[in-house]
C-alpha atoms as a PDB file:
ATOM      1  CA  MET A   1     142.085  75.901 116.829  1.00  0.00           C
ATOM      2  CA  SER A   2     143.397  79.158 115.429  1.00  0.00           C
ATOM      3  CA  SER A   3     145.556  79.301 112.301  1.00  0.00           C
ATOM      4  CA  PRO A   4     148.063  82.059 111.417  1.00  0.00           C
ATOM      5  CA  PHE A   5     148.003  81.098 107.772  1.00  0.00           C
ATOM      6  CA  ILE A   6     144.491  81.687 106.371  1.00  0.00           C
ATOM      7  CA  ALA A   7     142.945  85.140 105.974  1.00  0.00           C
ATOM      8  CA  ILE A   8     140.060  86.967 104.361  1.00  0.00           C
ATOM      9  CA  LEU A   9     141.765  88.656 101.409  1.00  0.00           C
ATOM     10  CA  GLY A  10     138.752  90.530 100.033  1.00  0.00           C
ATOM     11  CA  THR A  11     134.968  90.850 100.180  1.00  0.00           C
ATOM     12  CA  GLY A  12     132.160  91.744  97.803  1.00  0.00           C
ATOM     13  CA  ALA A  13     128.407  92.098  97.736  1.00  0.00           C
ATOM     14  CA  HIS A  14     125.460  92.350  95.381  1.00  0.00           C
ATOM     15  CA  SER A  15     121.845  93.446  95.911  1.00  0.00           C
ATOM     16  CA  PRO A  16     119.057  93.365  93.322  1.00  0.00           C
ATOM     17  CA  ALA A  17     117.977  96.710  91.930  1.00  0.00           C
ATOM     18  CA  LYS A  18     114.340  96.383  92.993  1.00  0.00           C
ATOM     19  CA  VAL A  19     113.570  97.744  96.454  1.00  0.00           C
ATOM     20  CA  LEU A  20     110.366  96.731  98.266  1.00  0.00           C
ATOM     21  CA  THR A  21     109.503  99.146 101.090  1.00  0.00           C
ATOM     22  CA  ASN A  22     107.228  98.577 104.064  1.00  0.00           C
ATOM     23  CA  HIS A  23     104.733 100.957 102.436  1.00  0.00           C
ATOM     24  CA  ASP A  24     104.752  98.743  99.337  1.00  0.00           C
ATOM     25  CA  LEU A  25     104.036  95.706 101.525  1.00  0.00           C
ATOM     26  CA  ALA A  26     101.161  97.529 103.212  1.00  0.00           C
ATOM     27  CA  ARG A  27      99.404  97.408  99.842  1.00  0.00           C
ATOM     28  CA  LEU A  28      99.816  93.630  99.698  1.00  0.00           C
ATOM     29  CA  VAL A  29      98.969  92.511 103.238  1.00  0.00           C
ATOM     30  CA  ASP A  30      97.384  93.923 106.373  1.00  0.00           C
ATOM     31  CA  THR A  31     100.427  95.684 107.862  1.00  0.00           C
ATOM     32  CA  THR A  32     101.976  99.117 108.298  1.00  0.00           C
ATOM     33  CA  ASP A  33     105.441 100.606 108.212  1.00  0.00           C
ATOM     34  CA  GLU A  34     105.200 101.345 111.934  1.00  0.00           C
ATOM     35  CA  TRP A  35     104.177  97.732 112.749  1.00  0.00           C
ATOM     36  CA  ILE A  36     107.131  96.281 110.821  1.00  0.00           C
ATOM     37  CA  VAL A  37     109.744  98.758 112.064  1.00  0.00           C
ATOM     38  CA  THR A  38     108.656  98.452 115.703  1.00  0.00           C
ATOM     39  CA  ARG A  39     108.834  94.657 115.685  1.00  0.00           C
ATOM     40  CA  THR A  40     111.792  94.044 113.403  1.00  0.00           C
ATOM     41  CA  GLY A  41     113.715  97.228 112.574  1.00  0.00           C
ATOM     42  CA  ILE A  42     113.278  96.532 108.832  1.00  0.00           C
ATOM     43  CA  ARG A  43     112.224  99.382 106.529  1.00  0.00           C
ATOM     44  CA  GLU A  44     112.917  97.924 103.080  1.00  0.00           C
ATOM     45  CA  ARG A  45     114.439  94.944 101.335  1.00  0.00           C
ATOM     46  CA  HIS A  46     115.852  94.112  97.872  1.00  0.00           C
ATOM     47  CA  ILE A  47     113.866  91.684  95.729  1.00  0.00           C
ATOM     48  CA  ALA A  48     115.311  89.758  92.788  1.00  0.00           C
ATOM     49  CA  GLY A  49     113.591  89.914  89.425  1.00  0.00           C
ATOM     50  CA  LYS A  50     111.777  86.886  88.032  1.00  0.00           C
ATOM     51  CA  ASN A  51     114.738  85.905  85.891  1.00  0.00           C
ATOM     52  CA  GLU A  52     117.411  86.926  88.415  1.00  0.00           C
ATOM     53  CA  THR A  53     118.914  83.792  89.918  1.00  0.00           C
ATOM     54  CA  THR A  54     120.879  82.889  93.015  1.00  0.00           C
ATOM     55  CA  SER A  55     123.857  81.945  90.824  1.00  0.00           C
ATOM     56  CA  GLN A  56     123.833  85.322  89.092  1.00  0.00           C
ATOM     57  CA  MET A  57     123.756  87.221  92.393  1.00  0.00           C
ATOM     58  CA  ALA A  58     126.463  84.953  93.826  1.00  0.00           C
ATOM     59  CA  ALA A  59     128.701  85.495  90.800  1.00  0.00           C
ATOM     60  CA  ALA A  60     128.272  89.264  90.989  1.00  0.00           C
ATOM     61  CA  ALA A  61     129.307  89.315  94.661  1.00  0.00           C
ATOM     62  CA  ALA A  62     132.191  86.956  93.927  1.00  0.00           C
ATOM     63  CA  ARG A  63     133.537  89.157  91.126  1.00  0.00           C
ATOM     64  CA  ALA A  64     133.590  92.115  93.515  1.00  0.00           C
ATOM     65  CA  ALA A  65     135.363  90.044  96.177  1.00  0.00           C
ATOM     66  CA  LEU A  66     138.001  88.799  93.721  1.00  0.00           C
ATOM     67  CA  ALA A  67     138.666  92.357  92.555  1.00  0.00           C
ATOM     68  CA  ASP A  68     138.967  93.524  96.157  1.00  0.00           C
ATOM     69  CA  ALA A  69     141.384  90.700  96.952  1.00  0.00           C
ATOM     70  CA  GLY A  70     143.472  91.118  93.826  1.00  0.00           C
ATOM     71  CA  VAL A  71     142.924  87.423  93.055  1.00  0.00           C
ATOM     72  CA  SER A  72     141.976  86.185  89.583  1.00  0.00           C
ATOM     73  CA  ALA A  73     139.295  83.578  88.854  1.00  0.00           C
ATOM     74  CA  GLU A  74     142.071  81.315  87.518  1.00  0.00           C
ATOM     75  CA  GLN A  75     143.643  81.247  91.003  1.00  0.00           C
ATOM     76  CA  VAL A  76     140.490  79.936  92.712  1.00  0.00           C
ATOM     77  CA  ASP A  77     140.488  76.217  93.456  1.00  0.00           C
ATOM     78  CA  LEU A  78     137.541  76.009  95.898  1.00  0.00           C
ATOM     79  CA  ILE A  79     134.029  77.464  95.805  1.00  0.00           C
ATOM     80  CA  ILE A  80     131.610  76.938  98.677  1.00  0.00           C
ATOM     81  CA  LEU A  81     128.171  78.471  98.207  1.00  0.00           C
ATOM     82  CA  ALA A  82     125.978  78.769 101.277  1.00  0.00           C
ATOM     83  CA  THR A  83     122.344  78.899 100.191  1.00  0.00           C
ATOM     84  CA  LEU A  84     118.919  77.459 100.899  1.00  0.00           C
ATOM     85  CA  THR A  85     117.594  78.770  97.572  1.00  0.00           C
ATOM     86  CA  PRO A  86     119.680  77.049  94.893  1.00  0.00           C
ATOM     87  CA  ASP A  87     118.804  77.610  91.234  1.00  0.00           C
ATOM     88  CA  GLN A  88     117.689  73.952  91.046  1.00  0.00           C
ATOM     89  CA  PRO A  89     118.068  70.731  93.095  1.00  0.00           C
ATOM     90  CA  MET A  90     121.056  69.700  91.001  1.00  0.00           C
ATOM     91  CA  PRO A  91     123.685  70.419  89.976  1.00  0.00           C
ATOM     92  CA  ALA A  92     125.078  72.495  92.812  1.00  0.00           C
ATOM     93  CA  THR A  93     124.633  76.182  92.189  1.00  0.00           C
ATOM     94  CA  ALA A  94     128.336  76.583  93.040  1.00  0.00           C
ATOM     95  CA  CYS A  95     129.098  74.784  89.763  1.00  0.00           C
ATOM     96  CA  LEU A  96     127.016  77.335  87.869  1.00  0.00           C
ATOM     97  CA  VAL A  97     128.918  80.121  89.628  1.00  0.00           C
ATOM     98  CA  GLN A  98     132.191  78.460  88.638  1.00  0.00           C
ATOM     99  CA  HIS A  99     131.114  78.583  84.985  1.00  0.00           C
ATOM    100  CA  LEU A 100     129.938  82.214  85.208  1.00  0.00           C
ATOM    101  CA  LEU A 101     133.253  83.301  86.703  1.00  0.00           C
ATOM    102  CA  GLY A 102     135.510  81.206  84.490  1.00  0.00           C
ATOM    103  CA  VAL A 103     137.048  79.336  87.430  1.00  0.00           C
ATOM    104  CA  PRO A 104     139.177  76.386  86.161  1.00  0.00           C
ATOM    105  CA  ALA A 105     137.881  72.818  86.123  1.00  0.00           C
ATOM    106  CA  ARG A 106     140.418  71.787  88.793  1.00  0.00           C
ATOM    107  CA  ALA A 107     138.364  73.658  91.425  1.00  0.00           C
ATOM    108  CA  ALA A 108     136.144  71.862  93.945  1.00  0.00           C
ATOM    109  CA  CYS A 109     132.635  73.365  93.970  1.00  0.00           C
ATOM    110  CA  PHE A 110     129.684  72.561  96.227  1.00  0.00           C
ATOM    111  CA  ASP A 111     126.670  74.027  97.991  1.00  0.00           C
ATOM    112  CA  LEU A 112     126.124  74.086 101.731  1.00  0.00           C
ATOM    113  CA  ASN A 113     122.788  74.583 103.489  1.00  0.00           C
ATOM    114  CA  ALA A 114     122.850  75.740 107.091  1.00  0.00           C
ATOM    115  CA  ALA A 115     120.174  78.384 106.488  1.00  0.00           C
ATOM    116  CA  CYS A 116     121.018  81.748 108.050  1.00  0.00           C
ATOM    117  CA  SER A 117     124.185  80.329 109.653  1.00  0.00           C
ATOM    118  CA  GLY A 118     125.345  79.163 106.243  1.00  0.00           C
ATOM    119  CA  PHE A 119     128.100  81.681 105.648  1.00  0.00           C
ATOM    120  CA  LEU A 120     129.771  80.834 108.972  1.00  0.00           C
ATOM    121  CA  TYR A 121     129.506  77.110 108.210  1.00  0.00           C
ATOM    122  CA  ALA A 122     131.031  77.731 104.763  1.00  0.00           C
ATOM    123  CA  LEU A 123     133.751  79.976 106.208  1.00  0.00           C
ATOM    124  CA  ASP A 124     134.835  77.339 108.729  1.00  0.00           C
ATOM    125  CA  THR A 125     134.738  74.602 106.092  1.00  0.00           C
ATOM    126  CA  ALA A 126     136.851  76.593 103.659  1.00  0.00           C
ATOM    127  CA  TRP A 127     139.275  77.576 106.444  1.00  0.00           C
ATOM    128  CA  ALA A 128     139.782  73.890 107.287  1.00  0.00           C
ATOM    129  CA  MET A 129     140.194  72.873 103.655  1.00  0.00           C
ATOM    130  CA  LEU A 130     142.723  75.609 102.952  1.00  0.00           C
ATOM    131  CA  GLY A 131     144.489  74.802 106.192  1.00  0.00           C
ATOM    132  CA  SER A 132     145.033  71.253 104.940  1.00  0.00           C
ATOM    133  CA  GLY A 133     147.343  72.663 102.268  1.00  0.00           C
ATOM    134  CA  ARG A 134     145.391  70.990  99.462  1.00  0.00           C
ATOM    135  CA  TYR A 135     143.709  74.227  98.346  1.00  0.00           C
ATOM    136  CA  LYS A 136     145.079  77.760  98.117  1.00  0.00           C
ATOM    137  CA  HIS A 137     142.289  80.248  97.287  1.00  0.00           C
ATOM    138  CA  ALA A 138     138.640  79.811  98.190  1.00  0.00           C
ATOM    139  CA  LEU A 139     135.509  81.729  97.286  1.00  0.00           C
ATOM    140  CA  VAL A 140     133.074  81.593 100.203  1.00  0.00           C
ATOM    141  CA  ILE A 141     129.676  82.921  99.139  1.00  0.00           C
ATOM    142  CA  GLY A 142     126.325  83.432 100.817  1.00  0.00           C
ATOM    143  CA  ALA A 143     123.553  84.020  98.306  1.00  0.00           C
ATOM    144  CA  GLU A 144     119.770  83.842  98.623  1.00  0.00           C
ATOM    145  CA  LYS A 145     116.615  84.432  96.661  1.00  0.00           C
ATOM    146  CA  MET A 146     114.388  84.310  99.700  1.00  0.00           C
ATOM    147  CA  SER A 147     111.516  85.953  97.848  1.00  0.00           C
ATOM    148  CA  SER A 148     111.009  82.608  96.038  1.00  0.00           C
ATOM    149  CA  LEU A 149     110.054  80.984  99.348  1.00  0.00           C
ATOM    150  CA  VAL A 150     107.894  83.724 100.801  1.00  0.00           C
ATOM    151  CA  ASP A 151     104.136  83.454 101.207  1.00  0.00           C
ATOM    152  CA  TRP A 152     103.132  86.980 100.213  1.00  0.00           C
ATOM    153  CA  THR A 153      99.797  86.592 102.041  1.00  0.00           C
ATOM    154  CA  ASP A 154     101.423  85.857 105.411  1.00  0.00           C
ATOM    155  CA  ARG A 155     102.263  89.160 107.079  1.00  0.00           C
ATOM    156  CA  SER A 156     104.232  87.466 109.861  1.00  0.00           C
ATOM    157  CA  THR A 157     106.905  86.228 107.441  1.00  0.00           C
ATOM    158  CA  CYS A 158     106.676  88.137 104.156  1.00  0.00           C
ATOM    159  CA  VAL A 159     107.877  91.369 105.805  1.00  0.00           C
ATOM    160  CA  LEU A 160     111.098  89.773 107.011  1.00  0.00           C
ATOM    161  CA  PHE A 161     113.033  88.506 104.021  1.00  0.00           C
ATOM    162  CA  GLY A 162     115.059  89.946 101.185  1.00  0.00           C
ATOM    163  CA  ASP A 163     117.403  88.802  98.409  1.00  0.00           C
ATOM    164  CA  GLY A 164     121.118  89.351  97.850  1.00  0.00           C
ATOM    165  CA  ALA A 165     124.615  87.908  97.973  1.00  0.00           C
ATOM    166  CA  GLY A 166     127.906  88.465  99.733  1.00  0.00           C
ATOM    167  CA  ALA A 167     131.279  86.827  99.193  1.00  0.00           C
ATOM    168  CA  ALA A 168     134.760  86.564 100.671  1.00  0.00           C
ATOM    169  CA  VAL A 169     138.044  85.359  99.201  1.00  0.00           C
ATOM    170  CA  LEU A 170     140.143  83.256 101.547  1.00  0.00           C
ATOM    171  CA  GLY A 171     143.811  82.538 101.034  1.00  0.00           C
ATOM    172  CA  PRO A 172     147.315  82.716 102.495  1.00  0.00           C
ATOM    173  CA  ALA A 173     147.530  85.459 105.104  1.00  0.00           C
ATOM    174  CA  ARG A 174     149.140  88.725 104.132  1.00  0.00           C
ATOM    175  CA  GLY A 175     149.586  89.876 107.707  1.00  0.00           C
ATOM    176  CA  THR A 176     146.005  90.965 108.414  1.00  0.00           C
ATOM    177  CA  ALA A 177     142.420  89.676 108.360  1.00  0.00           C
ATOM    178  CA  GLN A 178     143.455  86.369 109.911  1.00  0.00           C
ATOM    179  CA  ILE A 179     140.700  83.972 110.901  1.00  0.00           C
ATOM    180  CA  LEU A 180     141.327  83.242 114.586  1.00  0.00           C
ATOM    181  CA  GLY A 181     138.657  80.616 115.099  1.00  0.00           C
ATOM    182  CA  ALA A 182     135.106  79.462 114.581  1.00  0.00           C
ATOM    183  CA  ARG A 183     132.530  77.417 116.474  1.00  0.00           C
ATOM    184  CA  LEU A 184     129.488  75.760 114.916  1.00  0.00           C
ATOM    185  CA  TYR A 185     126.429  74.172 116.514  1.00  0.00           C
ATOM    186  CA  ALA A 186     123.040  72.661 115.663  1.00  0.00           C
ATOM    187  CA  GLU A 187     119.950  71.689 117.666  1.00  0.00           C
ATOM    188  CA  GLY A 188     117.883  69.451 115.420  1.00  0.00           C
ATOM    189  CA  ALA A 189     115.205  69.019 118.081  1.00  0.00           C
ATOM    190  CA  HIS A 190     114.045  72.545 117.203  1.00  0.00           C
ATOM    191  CA  ALA A 191     114.034  72.052 113.421  1.00  0.00           C
ATOM    192  CA  HIS A 192     110.227  72.388 113.258  1.00  0.00           C
ATOM    193  CA  LEU A 193     110.354  75.993 114.493  1.00  0.00           C
ATOM    194  CA  LEU A 194     111.596  77.340 111.142  1.00  0.00           C
ATOM    195  CA  CYS A 195     111.226  75.272 108.000  1.00  0.00           C
ATOM    196  CA  VAL A 196     110.081  75.013 104.390  1.00  0.00           C
ATOM    197  CA  PRO A 197     107.951  71.846 104.205  1.00  0.00           C
ATOM    198  CA  ARG A 198     107.526  70.054 100.914  1.00  0.00           C
ATOM    199  CA  GLY A 199     104.330  70.903  99.046  1.00  0.00           C
ATOM    200  CA  PRO A 200     102.870  72.240  95.809  1.00  0.00           C
ATOM    201  CA  LYS A 201     104.340  75.650  96.653  1.00  0.00           C
ATOM    202  CA  PRO A 202     107.015  75.376  99.374  1.00  0.00           C
ATOM    203  CA  VAL A 203     106.968  78.456 101.615  1.00  0.00           C
ATOM    204  CA  ILE A 204     108.633  79.524 104.843  1.00  0.00           C
ATOM    205  CA  GLN A 205     106.838  78.523 108.038  1.00  0.00           C
ATOM    206  CA  MET A 206     108.024  79.985 111.311  1.00  0.00           C
ATOM    207  CA  LYS A 207     107.029  80.013 114.988  1.00  0.00           C
ATOM    208  CA  GLY A 208     108.201  83.542 115.612  1.00  0.00           C
ATOM    209  CA  ARG A 209     108.097  83.737 119.407  1.00  0.00           C
ATOM    210  CA  GLU A 210     110.016  80.473 119.863  1.00  0.00           C
ATOM    211  CA  ILE A 211     112.568  81.411 117.208  1.00  0.00           C
ATOM    212  CA  PHE A 212     113.183  84.762 118.911  1.00  0.00           C
ATOM    213  CA  LYS A 213     113.797  83.127 122.285  1.00  0.00           C
ATOM    214  CA  ASN A 214     116.134  80.473 120.847  1.00  0.00           C
ATOM    215  CA  ALA A 215     117.981  82.978 118.650  1.00  0.00           C
ATOM    216  CA  VAL A 216     118.890  85.177 121.604  1.00  0.00           C
ATOM    217  CA  ARG A 217     120.116  82.232 123.657  1.00  0.00           C
ATOM    218  CA  GLU A 218     122.077  80.643 120.803  1.00  0.00           C
ATOM    219  CA  MET A 219     123.856  83.821 119.742  1.00  0.00           C
ATOM    220  CA  GLU A 220     124.789  84.567 123.356  1.00  0.00           C
ATOM    221  CA  ASP A 221     126.089  80.993 123.864  1.00  0.00           C
ATOM    222  CA  ALA A 222     128.105  81.042 120.634  1.00  0.00           C
ATOM    223  CA  THR A 223     129.605  84.400 121.601  1.00  0.00           C
ATOM    224  CA  ARG A 224     130.462  83.413 125.165  1.00  0.00           C
ATOM    225  CA  GLU A 225     132.138  80.168 124.140  1.00  0.00           C
ATOM    226  CA  ILE A 226     134.320  81.583 121.396  1.00  0.00           C
ATOM    227  CA  LEU A 227     135.456  84.480 123.594  1.00  0.00           C
ATOM    228  CA  GLU A 228     136.332  82.043 126.387  1.00  0.00           C
ATOM    229  CA  GLN A 229     138.131  79.780 123.939  1.00  0.00           C
ATOM    230  CA  HIS A 230     140.395  82.625 122.800  1.00  0.00           C
ATOM    231  CA  GLY A 231     140.820  84.313 126.192  1.00  0.00           C
ATOM    232  CA  LEU A 232     139.072  87.482 125.091  1.00  0.00           C
ATOM    233  CA  THR A 233     136.583  89.785 126.741  1.00  0.00           C
ATOM    234  CA  ALA A 234     133.699  91.504 125.010  1.00  0.00           C
ATOM    235  CA  ALA A 235     135.435  94.841 125.499  1.00  0.00           C
ATOM    236  CA  GLN A 236     138.256  93.636 123.215  1.00  0.00           C
ATOM    237  CA  ILE A 237     135.824  93.145 120.303  1.00  0.00           C
ATOM    238  CA  SER A 238     135.965  96.255 118.117  1.00  0.00           C
ATOM    239  CA  CYS A 239     133.080  95.315 115.863  1.00  0.00           C
ATOM    240  CA  VAL A 240     130.259  92.764 115.981  1.00  0.00           C
ATOM    241  CA  ILE A 241     128.671  91.621 112.721  1.00  0.00           C
ATOM    242  CA  PRO A 242     125.564  89.638 113.668  1.00  0.00           C
ATOM    243  CA  HIS A 243     123.030  87.875 111.493  1.00  0.00           C
ATOM    244  CA  GLN A 244     120.553  90.525 110.357  1.00  0.00           C
ATOM    245  CA  ALA A 245     117.196  89.037 111.325  1.00  0.00           C
ATOM    246  CA  ASN A 246     115.643  91.295 113.941  1.00  0.00           C
ATOM    247  CA  LEU A 247     116.901  94.459 115.603  1.00  0.00           C
ATOM    248  CA  ARG A 248     115.568  93.386 118.992  1.00  0.00           C
ATOM    249  CA  ILE A 249     117.690  90.220 118.850  1.00  0.00           C
ATOM    250  CA  ILE A 250     120.789  92.316 118.063  1.00  0.00           C
ATOM    251  CA  GLU A 251     119.953  94.720 120.890  1.00  0.00           C
ATOM    252  CA  SER A 252     119.605  91.795 123.291  1.00  0.00           C
ATOM    253  CA  LEU A 253     123.039  90.525 122.266  1.00  0.00           C
ATOM    254  CA  GLY A 254     124.459  93.999 122.882  1.00  0.00           C
ATOM    255  CA  GLN A 255     123.000  94.053 126.379  1.00  0.00           C
ATOM    256  CA  TYR A 256     124.456  90.618 127.108  1.00  0.00           C
ATOM    257  CA  LEU A 257     127.914  91.702 125.939  1.00  0.00           C
ATOM    258  CA  GLY A 258     127.694  95.103 127.604  1.00  0.00           C
ATOM    259  CA  LEU A 259     128.597  96.772 124.315  1.00  0.00           C
ATOM    260  CA  PRO A 260     127.117 100.025 122.945  1.00  0.00           C
ATOM    261  CA  PRO A 261     125.039  99.929 119.732  1.00  0.00           C
ATOM    262  CA  GLU A 262     127.796 101.613 117.737  1.00  0.00           C
ATOM    263  CA  ARG A 263     129.943  98.463 118.028  1.00  0.00           C
ATOM    264  CA  PHE A 264     127.364  96.562 115.973  1.00  0.00           C
ATOM    265  CA  VAL A 265     127.047  96.593 112.184  1.00  0.00           C
ATOM    266  CA  VAL A 266     123.336  96.820 111.340  1.00  0.00           C
ATOM    267  CA  ASN A 267     121.958  97.006 107.810  1.00  0.00           C
ATOM    268  CA  LEU A 268     118.749  95.012 108.165  1.00  0.00           C
ATOM    269  CA  ASP A 269     116.761  98.235 107.900  1.00  0.00           C
ATOM    270  CA  ARG A 270     117.804  98.310 104.211  1.00  0.00           C
ATOM    271  CA  HIS A 271     118.115  94.593 103.422  1.00  0.00           C
ATOM    272  CA  GLY A 272     115.861  92.619 105.738  1.00  0.00           C
ATOM    273  CA  ASN A 273     116.817  89.040 106.499  1.00  0.00           C
ATOM    274  CA  THR A 274     118.828  87.681 103.559  1.00  0.00           C
ATOM    275  CA  SER A 275     119.638  84.398 105.331  1.00  0.00           C
ATOM    276  CA  ALA A 276     123.100  83.097 104.334  1.00  0.00           C
ATOM    277  CA  ALA A 277     123.860  86.382 102.535  1.00  0.00           C
ATOM    278  CA  SER A 278     123.257  88.397 105.690  1.00  0.00           C
ATOM    279  CA  ILE A 279     126.687  88.333 107.329  1.00  0.00           C
ATOM    280  CA  PRO A 280     128.802  88.680 104.164  1.00  0.00           C
ATOM    281  CA  LEU A 281     126.650  91.620 103.002  1.00  0.00           C
ATOM    282  CA  ALA A 282     127.190  93.336 106.343  1.00  0.00           C
ATOM    283  CA  LEU A 283     130.876  92.395 106.418  1.00  0.00           C
ATOM    284  CA  ASP A 284     131.531  93.928 103.013  1.00  0.00           C
ATOM    285  CA  GLU A 285     129.650  97.079 104.016  1.00  0.00           C
ATOM    286  CA  ALA A 286     131.635  97.340 107.243  1.00  0.00           C
ATOM    287  CA  ARG A 287     134.974  97.026 105.442  1.00  0.00           C
ATOM    288  CA  ARG A 288     134.130  99.525 102.699  1.00  0.00           C
ATOM    289  CA  SER A 289     132.723 102.087 105.120  1.00  0.00           C
ATOM    290  CA  GLY A 290     135.753 101.973 107.422  1.00  0.00           C
ATOM    291  CA  ARG A 291     133.962 100.256 110.303  1.00  0.00           C
ATOM    292  CA  VAL A 292     136.682  97.581 110.266  1.00  0.00           C
ATOM    293  CA  ARG A 293     140.252  98.785 110.695  1.00  0.00           C
ATOM    294  CA  ALA A 294     143.694  97.149 110.846  1.00  0.00           C
ATOM    295  CA  GLY A 295     144.273  95.589 114.269  1.00  0.00           C
ATOM    296  CA  ASP A 296     140.552  95.252 115.067  1.00  0.00           C
ATOM    297  CA  THR A 297     139.093  91.966 116.282  1.00  0.00           C
ATOM    298  CA  THR A 298     135.690  91.326 114.756  1.00  0.00           C
ATOM    299  CA  LEU A 299     133.051  88.889 115.968  1.00  0.00           C
ATOM    300  CA  LEU A 300     130.722  87.241 113.443  1.00  0.00           C
ATOM    301  CA  VAL A 301     127.722  85.481 114.987  1.00  0.00           C
ATOM    302  CA  ALA A 302     124.605  83.909 113.484  1.00  0.00           C
ATOM    303  CA  PHE A 303     121.636  81.596 114.030  1.00  0.00           C
ATOM    304  CA  GLY A 304     119.320  79.950 111.574  1.00  0.00           C
ATOM    305  CA  ALA A 305     116.938  77.099 110.787  1.00  0.00           C
ATOM    306  CA  GLY A 306     118.127  73.724 111.915  1.00  0.00           C
ATOM    307  CA  LEU A 307     118.434  75.197 114.448  1.00  0.00           C
ATOM    308  CA  THR A 308     121.985  76.053 113.491  1.00  0.00           C
ATOM    309  CA  TYR A 309     124.175  78.704 115.064  1.00  0.00           C
ATOM    310  CA  GLY A 310     127.818  79.699 115.297  1.00  0.00           C
ATOM    311  CA  SER A 311     130.463  82.340 115.654  1.00  0.00           C
ATOM    312  CA  ALA A 312     133.847  83.322 114.245  1.00  0.00           C
ATOM    313  CA  LEU A 313     136.641  85.733 115.121  1.00  0.00           C
ATOM    314  CA  VAL A 314     138.717  87.675 112.592  1.00  0.00           C
ATOM    315  CA  ARG A 315     141.669  89.924 113.394  1.00  0.00           C
ATOM    316  CA  TRP A 316     142.189  92.538 110.694  1.00  0.00           C
END
């Protein structure tokens, strides 16, 4: 159900300084730049330093979002951090971010794990909580240190992931950037296709072919249903910000929608798959580069382990 009252007031992003190129990876595993680019579209990714934490990256992105929104840390009363790579099992990394930012103790802070769909899950949750009238300004953050879960000897997965954070400030609408709606889904029967099993060194395990097939179907379904719900056609979508996992998946979504490539925001060539940070990183880049303009309707759509998937519409 759409709400005229809650909007995205500002966005921010942070990427670690270290860049790992495909040529760098070719010195670690049996792969080539051509092999990676052809199959994924990825050319490089940012990798956090040993002592660079998810909370630090999240706080950096959040500071940028607060500055963009013109909202102070003292005004924040809700922090939702989407991540599958928390600093530690407890407390919630959102609480560490609260401390780093100086957000008052009256704020509610918690982590949310929906893998690569995490930012959309967090966005919808914050939207509902602000819509209740009990909270006024929310920080919605997607932050990941995926390099901590990568098996650097497995060429099928280590080439895919990167680290980073993106954030959005939600609050009372100022006439633009209104959240029109969101739809969330999960298919637990397919949870085994992409997971991090417990073990001495937990690492990402993925059945790539099955994930690709499901990702295409799920993103198409989430897109079709939210457009139908709001009486919109694909042609009315000015900009699509998809989860940045694989260029071929994004191209398939474009073919389904009948939209040209220039309608899609793509930065996976420079960031790889940053899981829950993927969409907010791309959203911030789109806003700051002028890809998103007043009056535009933007589609956000993602899939991830779970298997989770979802979509959201924002009118700027």
